Protein backbone atom coordinates (compact mmCIF):
# COMPACT_ATOMS: atom_id res chain seq x y z
CA MET A 1 98.39 119.66 -203.94
CA LYS A 2 100.13 121.10 -200.89
CA TRP A 3 98.36 122.18 -197.72
CA ARG A 4 100.00 124.82 -195.63
CA ILE A 5 98.95 126.80 -192.50
CA CYS A 6 99.59 130.44 -193.11
CA ILE A 7 99.21 133.69 -191.24
CA CYS A 8 97.64 136.71 -192.92
CA GLU A 9 98.54 140.33 -192.39
CA ASN A 10 95.53 140.67 -190.21
CA ASN A 11 96.99 137.88 -188.06
CA VAL A 12 94.15 135.46 -188.94
CA ASP A 13 95.33 131.93 -189.81
CA TYR A 14 93.98 130.19 -192.89
CA ILE A 15 94.66 127.13 -195.00
CA ASP A 16 96.36 127.85 -198.33
CA ARG A 17 95.57 125.31 -200.98
CA ALA A 18 97.62 127.08 -203.59
CA ALA A 19 100.34 124.78 -204.80
CA ALA A 20 102.67 127.40 -206.07
CA LYS A 21 101.34 130.78 -205.20
CA GLY A 22 101.43 133.12 -202.27
CA GLY A 23 103.44 131.14 -199.69
CA CYS A 24 103.09 131.80 -195.96
CA VAL A 25 103.12 135.30 -194.71
CA ILE A 26 103.90 136.10 -191.06
CA GLY A 27 101.31 138.54 -189.70
CA LEU A 28 102.23 141.91 -188.27
CA LYS A 29 101.11 140.97 -184.73
CA THR A 30 102.92 137.63 -184.90
CA ARG A 31 106.04 139.28 -186.23
CA ARG A 32 106.08 141.66 -183.33
CA ALA A 33 105.51 138.84 -180.86
CA LEU A 34 108.34 136.80 -182.41
CA GLN A 35 110.68 139.84 -182.21
CA GLY A 36 109.74 140.29 -178.58
CA PHE A 37 110.44 136.62 -177.86
CA LEU A 38 113.84 136.73 -179.53
CA LEU A 39 114.68 139.88 -177.61
CA PHE A 40 113.72 138.07 -174.37
CA LEU A 41 115.97 135.14 -175.32
CA ALA A 42 118.82 137.61 -176.02
CA MET A 43 118.35 139.19 -172.66
CA ILE A 44 118.54 135.75 -170.92
CA VAL A 45 121.76 134.97 -172.76
CA ILE A 46 123.24 138.40 -171.80
CA ALA A 47 122.08 138.03 -168.24
CA ALA A 48 123.63 134.51 -167.96
CA THR A 49 126.89 135.73 -169.44
CA ALA A 50 126.95 138.74 -167.02
CA GLU A 51 126.32 136.46 -163.96
CA SER A 52 129.32 134.26 -164.74
CA ARG A 53 133.05 134.82 -165.22
CA GLU A 54 136.10 132.97 -166.33
CA ILE A 55 138.94 132.27 -163.91
CA ARG A 56 142.20 130.37 -164.30
CA ASP A 57 142.71 127.86 -161.53
CA MET A 58 146.08 126.88 -160.00
CA VAL A 59 146.85 124.19 -162.54
CA GLY A 60 146.16 126.50 -165.42
CA ARG A 61 142.62 125.40 -166.39
CA LYS A 62 140.09 127.98 -167.52
CA VAL A 63 136.91 127.60 -165.48
CA ILE A 64 133.55 129.35 -165.82
CA VAL A 65 132.22 130.19 -162.31
CA PRO A 66 129.22 132.18 -161.03
CA GLU A 67 129.88 135.95 -160.72
CA ALA A 68 128.85 135.66 -157.01
CA ILE A 69 129.84 132.54 -155.18
CA LYS A 70 127.96 131.87 -151.98
CA LYS A 71 128.24 128.09 -151.43
CA VAL A 72 131.44 126.09 -151.76
CA TYR A 73 132.45 122.44 -151.28
CA SER A 74 136.06 121.43 -150.92
CA THR A 75 137.30 117.87 -151.20
CA SER A 76 139.92 117.82 -148.54
CA PRO A 77 140.70 119.46 -145.09
CA PRO A 78 143.61 121.68 -146.17
CA SER A 79 141.49 123.69 -148.61
CA THR A 80 138.32 123.42 -146.45
CA TYR A 81 140.24 125.04 -143.56
CA MET A 82 141.53 127.76 -145.85
CA ILE A 83 138.04 128.60 -147.08
CA TYR A 84 136.96 128.77 -143.42
CA ALA A 85 139.72 131.30 -142.68
CA LEU A 86 138.59 133.40 -145.68
CA ASP A 87 134.91 133.26 -144.84
CA PRO A 88 133.32 130.40 -142.89
CA ASP A 89 129.86 131.28 -144.31
CA LEU A 90 130.99 130.06 -147.75
CA LEU A 91 131.17 126.46 -146.62
CA MET A 92 128.20 124.23 -147.39
CA ALA A 93 129.68 120.99 -146.09
CA LEU A 94 132.62 119.50 -144.22
CA ASN A 95 134.91 116.56 -144.98
CA THR A 96 134.82 115.13 -141.46
CA PRO A 97 132.90 116.06 -138.31
CA PHE A 98 134.63 118.31 -135.83
CA THR A 99 135.48 117.13 -132.36
CA GLU A 100 134.16 118.83 -129.22
CA ASP A 101 137.61 120.37 -128.59
CA GLN A 102 137.71 121.81 -132.09
CA LYS A 103 134.19 123.27 -131.83
CA LYS A 104 135.22 125.56 -128.99
CA TYR A 105 137.29 127.64 -131.42
CA LEU A 106 134.91 127.62 -134.42
CA LYS A 107 131.99 129.73 -135.52
CA LYS A 108 128.81 128.17 -133.94
CA ASN A 109 126.92 127.08 -137.10
CA VAL A 110 129.93 125.55 -138.92
CA PRO A 111 130.15 122.31 -136.92
CA ASP A 112 126.55 121.58 -137.76
CA LEU A 113 127.22 121.47 -141.50
CA PRO A 114 126.92 117.98 -143.07
CA ALA A 115 130.18 115.92 -143.25
CA ILE A 116 130.20 114.35 -146.66
CA GLY A 117 133.75 113.05 -147.08
CA GLY A 118 136.17 113.85 -149.84
CA PHE A 119 139.54 112.69 -151.34
CA PHE A 120 142.23 112.74 -148.61
CA GLY A 121 144.20 110.17 -146.56
CA GLN A 122 142.30 106.94 -146.61
CA SER A 123 138.97 108.67 -147.44
CA GLN A 124 138.10 108.41 -151.15
CA ALA A 125 134.39 108.89 -151.23
CA VAL A 126 131.86 111.76 -151.39
CA ASN A 127 128.23 111.67 -150.33
CA VAL A 128 126.83 112.66 -153.73
CA GLU A 129 123.28 112.74 -152.56
CA VAL A 130 124.00 115.49 -149.95
CA LEU A 131 126.15 117.33 -152.46
CA LEU A 132 123.34 117.46 -155.00
CA LYS A 133 120.74 118.44 -152.34
CA ASN A 134 122.96 121.37 -151.27
CA LYS A 135 124.38 122.09 -154.78
CA PRO A 136 127.49 124.29 -154.34
CA ASP A 137 128.35 127.15 -156.71
CA VAL A 138 131.82 125.72 -157.10
CA ALA A 139 133.85 122.76 -155.91
CA VAL A 140 137.47 123.25 -154.89
CA VAL A 141 139.88 120.31 -155.24
CA TRP A 142 143.23 120.29 -153.51
CA THR A 143 145.93 118.79 -155.68
CA TRP A 144 149.67 118.75 -156.36
CA LYS A 145 151.06 121.05 -159.03
CA GLN A 146 151.15 119.26 -162.37
CA ASN A 147 149.85 116.06 -160.78
CA ILE A 148 146.12 115.65 -160.59
CA PRO A 149 145.35 112.31 -158.94
CA PRO A 150 142.90 109.94 -160.84
CA GLN A 151 140.26 110.31 -158.16
CA SER A 152 140.24 114.09 -158.54
CA ALA A 153 139.81 113.77 -162.30
CA GLN A 154 136.91 111.40 -161.73
CA PHE A 155 135.35 113.79 -159.31
CA GLU A 156 135.73 116.57 -161.86
CA GLU A 157 133.92 114.56 -164.45
CA MET A 158 131.08 113.76 -162.05
CA MET A 159 130.79 117.48 -161.14
CA GLN A 160 130.55 118.46 -164.83
CA LYS A 161 127.56 116.15 -165.26
CA MET A 162 125.93 117.96 -162.31
CA GLY A 163 126.71 121.40 -163.69
CA ILE A 164 129.05 122.23 -160.81
CA PRO A 165 132.32 123.98 -161.87
CA VAL A 166 135.61 122.56 -160.40
CA ALA A 167 138.60 124.71 -159.54
CA TYR A 168 141.93 123.13 -158.58
CA LEU A 169 144.00 124.60 -155.68
CA ALA A 170 147.58 123.38 -156.09
CA LEU A 171 149.40 123.24 -152.76
CA ASP A 172 152.55 121.24 -152.34
CA ASN A 173 154.07 122.80 -149.18
CA VAL A 174 153.89 125.45 -146.55
CA SER A 175 155.53 128.02 -148.81
CA GLY A 176 152.62 127.57 -151.22
CA TYR A 177 149.96 128.81 -148.79
CA PRO A 178 150.26 132.50 -149.51
CA ASP A 179 149.69 132.05 -153.26
CA ALA A 180 146.85 129.63 -152.51
CA PHE A 181 145.19 132.16 -150.31
CA SER A 182 145.56 134.74 -153.04
CA PHE A 183 143.90 132.39 -155.54
CA LEU A 184 140.99 131.73 -153.34
CA GLY A 185 140.61 135.47 -152.74
CA ARG A 186 140.28 135.98 -156.49
CA LEU A 187 137.87 133.05 -156.87
CA PHE A 188 135.54 134.22 -154.10
CA LYS A 189 136.05 138.00 -154.68
CA LYS A 190 137.60 138.35 -151.26
CA GLU A 191 140.94 139.75 -152.36
CA ASP A 192 141.39 142.11 -149.41
CA ARG A 193 140.90 139.40 -146.82
CA ALA A 194 143.13 136.96 -148.70
CA ALA A 195 145.88 139.60 -149.04
CA VAL A 196 146.01 139.97 -145.22
CA LEU A 197 146.27 136.26 -144.65
CA SER A 198 148.86 135.83 -147.44
CA ARG A 199 151.00 138.62 -146.07
CA TYR A 200 151.05 137.02 -142.64
CA GLY A 201 152.21 133.78 -144.12
CA ARG A 202 154.96 135.37 -146.21
CA ASP A 203 156.14 137.45 -143.32
CA SER A 204 156.30 134.40 -141.00
CA LEU A 205 158.26 132.36 -143.56
CA SER A 206 160.66 135.29 -144.16
CA GLU A 207 161.42 136.04 -140.53
CA VAL A 208 162.13 132.43 -139.71
CA ARG A 209 164.33 132.00 -142.78
CA LYS A 210 166.46 134.96 -141.69
CA VAL A 211 167.03 133.38 -138.28
CA VAL A 212 167.86 129.94 -139.72
CA ALA A 213 170.13 131.30 -142.44
CA GLY A 214 172.65 132.44 -139.85
CA VAL A 215 173.04 129.02 -138.29
CA PRO A 216 175.53 126.58 -139.83
CA LEU A 217 174.06 123.14 -140.59
CA SER A 218 176.41 121.40 -138.06
CA ARG A 219 174.96 123.56 -135.25
CA ARG A 220 171.35 123.03 -135.94
CA PRO A 221 169.41 121.00 -133.43
CA LYS A 222 168.62 117.35 -134.22
CA VAL A 223 164.88 116.71 -134.19
CA TYR A 224 162.89 113.56 -134.03
CA TYR A 225 159.16 113.46 -135.07
CA ALA A 226 157.62 110.79 -132.83
CA GLU A 227 154.36 109.51 -134.26
CA GLY A 228 152.02 106.82 -132.96
CA VAL A 229 151.20 106.03 -129.33
CA ASP A 230 154.57 104.33 -128.87
CA GLY A 231 156.51 107.16 -130.57
CA LEU A 232 158.18 104.66 -132.95
CA SER A 233 156.74 105.85 -136.27
CA THR A 234 158.25 108.86 -137.93
CA GLU A 235 158.84 110.67 -141.24
CA CYS A 236 161.78 110.81 -143.59
CA ALA A 237 163.59 114.10 -143.98
CA ASP A 238 162.04 114.74 -147.39
CA SER A 239 158.47 113.99 -146.23
CA ILE A 240 155.77 116.67 -146.53
CA HIS A 241 154.57 115.62 -143.06
CA ALA A 242 157.79 116.84 -141.44
CA GLU A 243 158.69 119.91 -143.55
CA LEU A 244 158.34 122.27 -140.63
CA ILE A 245 161.44 120.66 -139.09
CA VAL A 246 163.71 121.83 -141.88
CA LEU A 247 161.87 125.22 -142.28
CA ALA A 248 162.29 125.95 -138.57
CA GLY A 249 166.04 125.20 -138.74
CA GLY A 250 166.12 121.61 -137.36
CA ARG A 251 167.83 118.55 -138.70
CA ASN A 252 165.41 115.69 -139.16
CA VAL A 253 167.33 112.76 -137.70
CA HIS A 254 165.58 110.24 -139.96
CA GLN A 255 167.47 110.78 -143.22
CA CYS A 256 165.76 108.71 -145.82
CA LYS A 257 163.58 108.92 -148.96
CA GLN A 258 159.86 108.57 -148.17
CA LYS A 259 158.30 105.44 -149.63
CA SER A 260 154.73 106.81 -149.85
CA LEU A 261 152.85 110.02 -149.21
CA MET A 262 151.29 108.35 -146.15
CA GLY A 263 154.62 108.22 -144.34
CA MET A 264 154.55 106.87 -140.82
CA GLU A 265 157.83 104.93 -141.17
CA LYS A 266 158.26 102.33 -138.46
CA ILE A 267 161.61 102.36 -136.57
CA SER A 268 163.08 100.86 -133.44
CA LEU A 269 163.78 102.44 -130.08
CA GLU A 270 167.39 101.38 -130.53
CA GLN A 271 167.51 103.49 -133.72
CA VAL A 272 166.08 106.49 -131.86
CA MET A 273 168.78 106.06 -129.26
CA LEU A 274 171.40 106.11 -131.94
CA TYR A 275 169.87 109.28 -133.34
CA ASP A 276 169.95 110.78 -129.83
CA PRO A 277 167.82 113.87 -130.86
CA ASP A 278 168.11 117.18 -129.13
CA VAL A 279 164.33 117.78 -129.47
CA ILE A 280 161.34 115.52 -129.95
CA VAL A 281 157.96 116.71 -131.24
CA THR A 282 154.88 114.49 -131.07
CA GLN A 283 151.15 114.49 -131.86
CA GLU A 284 150.21 111.91 -129.28
CA LYS A 285 149.25 113.18 -125.81
CA SER A 286 149.54 109.66 -124.33
CA PHE A 287 153.14 109.32 -125.59
CA HIS A 288 154.07 112.83 -124.28
CA GLU A 289 152.67 111.95 -120.86
CA SER A 290 154.44 108.56 -120.64
CA VAL A 291 157.82 109.20 -122.22
CA PHE A 292 159.30 110.90 -119.16
CA LYS A 293 158.39 107.90 -117.06
CA ASP A 294 159.56 105.22 -119.41
CA GLN A 295 163.01 103.90 -118.42
CA ARG A 296 163.70 102.89 -122.05
CA TRP A 297 163.53 106.49 -123.27
CA ARG A 298 165.39 108.17 -120.39
CA GLY A 299 168.79 107.83 -121.92
CA ILE A 300 167.83 109.95 -124.96
CA ARG A 301 169.03 113.52 -124.70
CA ALA A 302 165.62 115.19 -125.59
CA VAL A 303 164.00 113.21 -122.78
CA ARG A 304 166.76 113.95 -120.25
CA THR A 305 166.57 117.67 -120.96
CA ARG A 306 162.77 117.53 -121.14
CA GLN A 307 162.75 118.81 -124.72
CA VAL A 308 159.77 116.68 -125.78
CA HIS A 309 156.99 118.87 -127.03
CA LEU A 310 153.29 118.18 -127.70
CA ILE A 311 152.17 119.78 -130.91
CA PRO A 312 149.13 122.10 -130.58
CA LYS A 313 146.21 120.94 -132.73
CA VAL A 314 143.02 122.90 -132.07
CA PRO A 315 141.04 123.77 -133.97
CA PHE A 316 143.38 122.66 -136.76
CA ASN A 317 146.77 120.94 -136.57
CA TRP A 318 149.81 123.26 -136.28
CA PHE A 319 152.15 120.72 -137.76
CA ASP A 320 150.66 117.85 -139.75
CA ARG A 321 147.85 115.34 -140.26
CA PRO A 322 146.02 117.06 -141.71
CA PRO A 323 148.20 119.93 -142.82
CA SER A 324 146.62 123.37 -142.61
CA PHE A 325 147.41 127.12 -142.71
CA MET A 326 148.01 126.78 -138.91
CA ARG A 327 151.49 125.73 -139.89
CA PHE A 328 152.33 129.43 -140.20
CA LEU A 329 151.99 129.49 -136.39
CA GLY A 330 153.48 126.09 -136.00
CA LEU A 331 156.56 127.24 -137.76
CA LYS A 332 157.02 130.08 -135.30
CA TRP A 333 156.29 127.78 -132.35
CA LEU A 334 158.93 125.28 -133.41
CA ALA A 335 161.56 127.86 -134.38
CA ASN A 336 161.12 129.41 -130.96
CA ILE A 337 161.74 126.02 -129.37
CA LEU A 338 164.85 125.36 -131.46
CA TYR A 339 166.29 128.86 -131.18
CA PRO A 340 164.91 130.47 -128.03
CA ASP A 341 167.71 133.03 -127.92
CA ALA A 342 167.86 133.92 -131.65
CA TYR A 343 164.10 133.86 -132.25
CA ARG A 344 162.55 135.50 -129.27
CA ILE A 345 158.78 135.72 -129.58
CA ASN A 346 156.07 135.68 -126.99
CA ILE A 347 154.29 132.59 -128.32
CA ALA A 348 151.19 133.28 -126.14
CA LYS A 349 150.82 136.71 -127.61
CA GLU A 350 151.51 135.44 -131.05
CA THR A 351 148.94 132.72 -130.72
CA ARG A 352 146.27 135.12 -129.54
CA GLU A 353 146.91 137.46 -132.49
CA PHE A 354 146.85 134.54 -134.91
CA TYR A 355 143.57 133.16 -133.63
CA ARG A 356 141.96 136.57 -133.85
CA LEU A 357 143.17 137.16 -137.40
CA PHE A 358 142.60 133.80 -138.97
CA LEU A 359 139.80 132.40 -136.88
CA GLY A 360 137.99 135.38 -135.45
CA VAL A 361 138.53 134.01 -131.96
CA ASP A 362 139.60 136.03 -128.92
CA LEU A 363 141.37 133.55 -126.62
CA LYS A 364 140.98 133.87 -122.90
CA ASP A 365 143.95 132.99 -120.71
CA GLU A 366 142.71 129.55 -119.81
CA GLU A 367 141.90 128.79 -123.52
CA MET A 368 145.42 129.99 -124.41
CA ARG A 369 146.95 127.55 -121.99
CA LYS A 370 144.86 124.70 -123.33
CA VAL A 371 145.73 125.48 -126.92
CA LEU A 372 149.45 125.54 -126.10
CA ASN A 373 149.16 122.35 -124.02
CA MET A 374 150.33 124.17 -120.91
CA ASN A 375 147.67 122.67 -118.61
């Protein structure tokens, strides 16, 4: 004999001892309650669907992201800096702490964000504990087009387990920044802001290309990129770290194929003398200050003519290491150095306008001089 708990029409439960008769009947009140519960579940599903959307990232993946994105983590400085330019309030963490010099040109609360690492340069680790504690709405991963590094794929898998969507931002060179800004604008629903920044980048690239196009290769200045405190590390002509030299119309004197993405090829002073560059650009302030006093370098044309230039780097580098959208301005800065007659711009005015547009900073005269290393 079968025992079943049943519900009568009057919504009173009873035990049915009939083996083959009757069956369980759902009471009217219970039926209404069940219908209400199912309707509630349907509303949750509809609400969840309405609060998310599908986007296609820059490597072609379809990603479901929240409708409104308020907190973002990026795994490397290039994309972190781009997000800052779009809207600094989106950032929930940094990759590395900012220096005191950088902080002067940034929104006050941003330097206080936790620095939790990422995947860039020699850094290949993320503070997962802090990431979970401040769970972002989306994680942005900078990568190369059609070439997602293994560590990025591992990070993606880890984020999936945490329920954090991952969007890839493919950015191979300076020319890719306008499209990258446009993608981030769609992702964060800040299309208007992104369009303004993208347009500035495209216009900058276009106006410099026009100047360079009219100069035969044989007449383009020879440029040496002096890295390291001794100035004896550099980049091959095809290196991403020195692409501004070619874009600005210079001839990188170190014609070779880069051996690794890290670059920093060691060469001798004798080799630099043989190159005899017209212009030297450098990141190192100590090298810039010492090169004019060093007897060994005085025979090189760029030193004799005082065409050794210290690259601006606050709050983000204008040239390289790490690369950033500031290279739009760095391109103009270098083109003006190489072609002062053909590309006549007021670099101080241009810098002030750029900082106001991209960083929301109004530079005072003294700050301007410091940014441009004119002090």
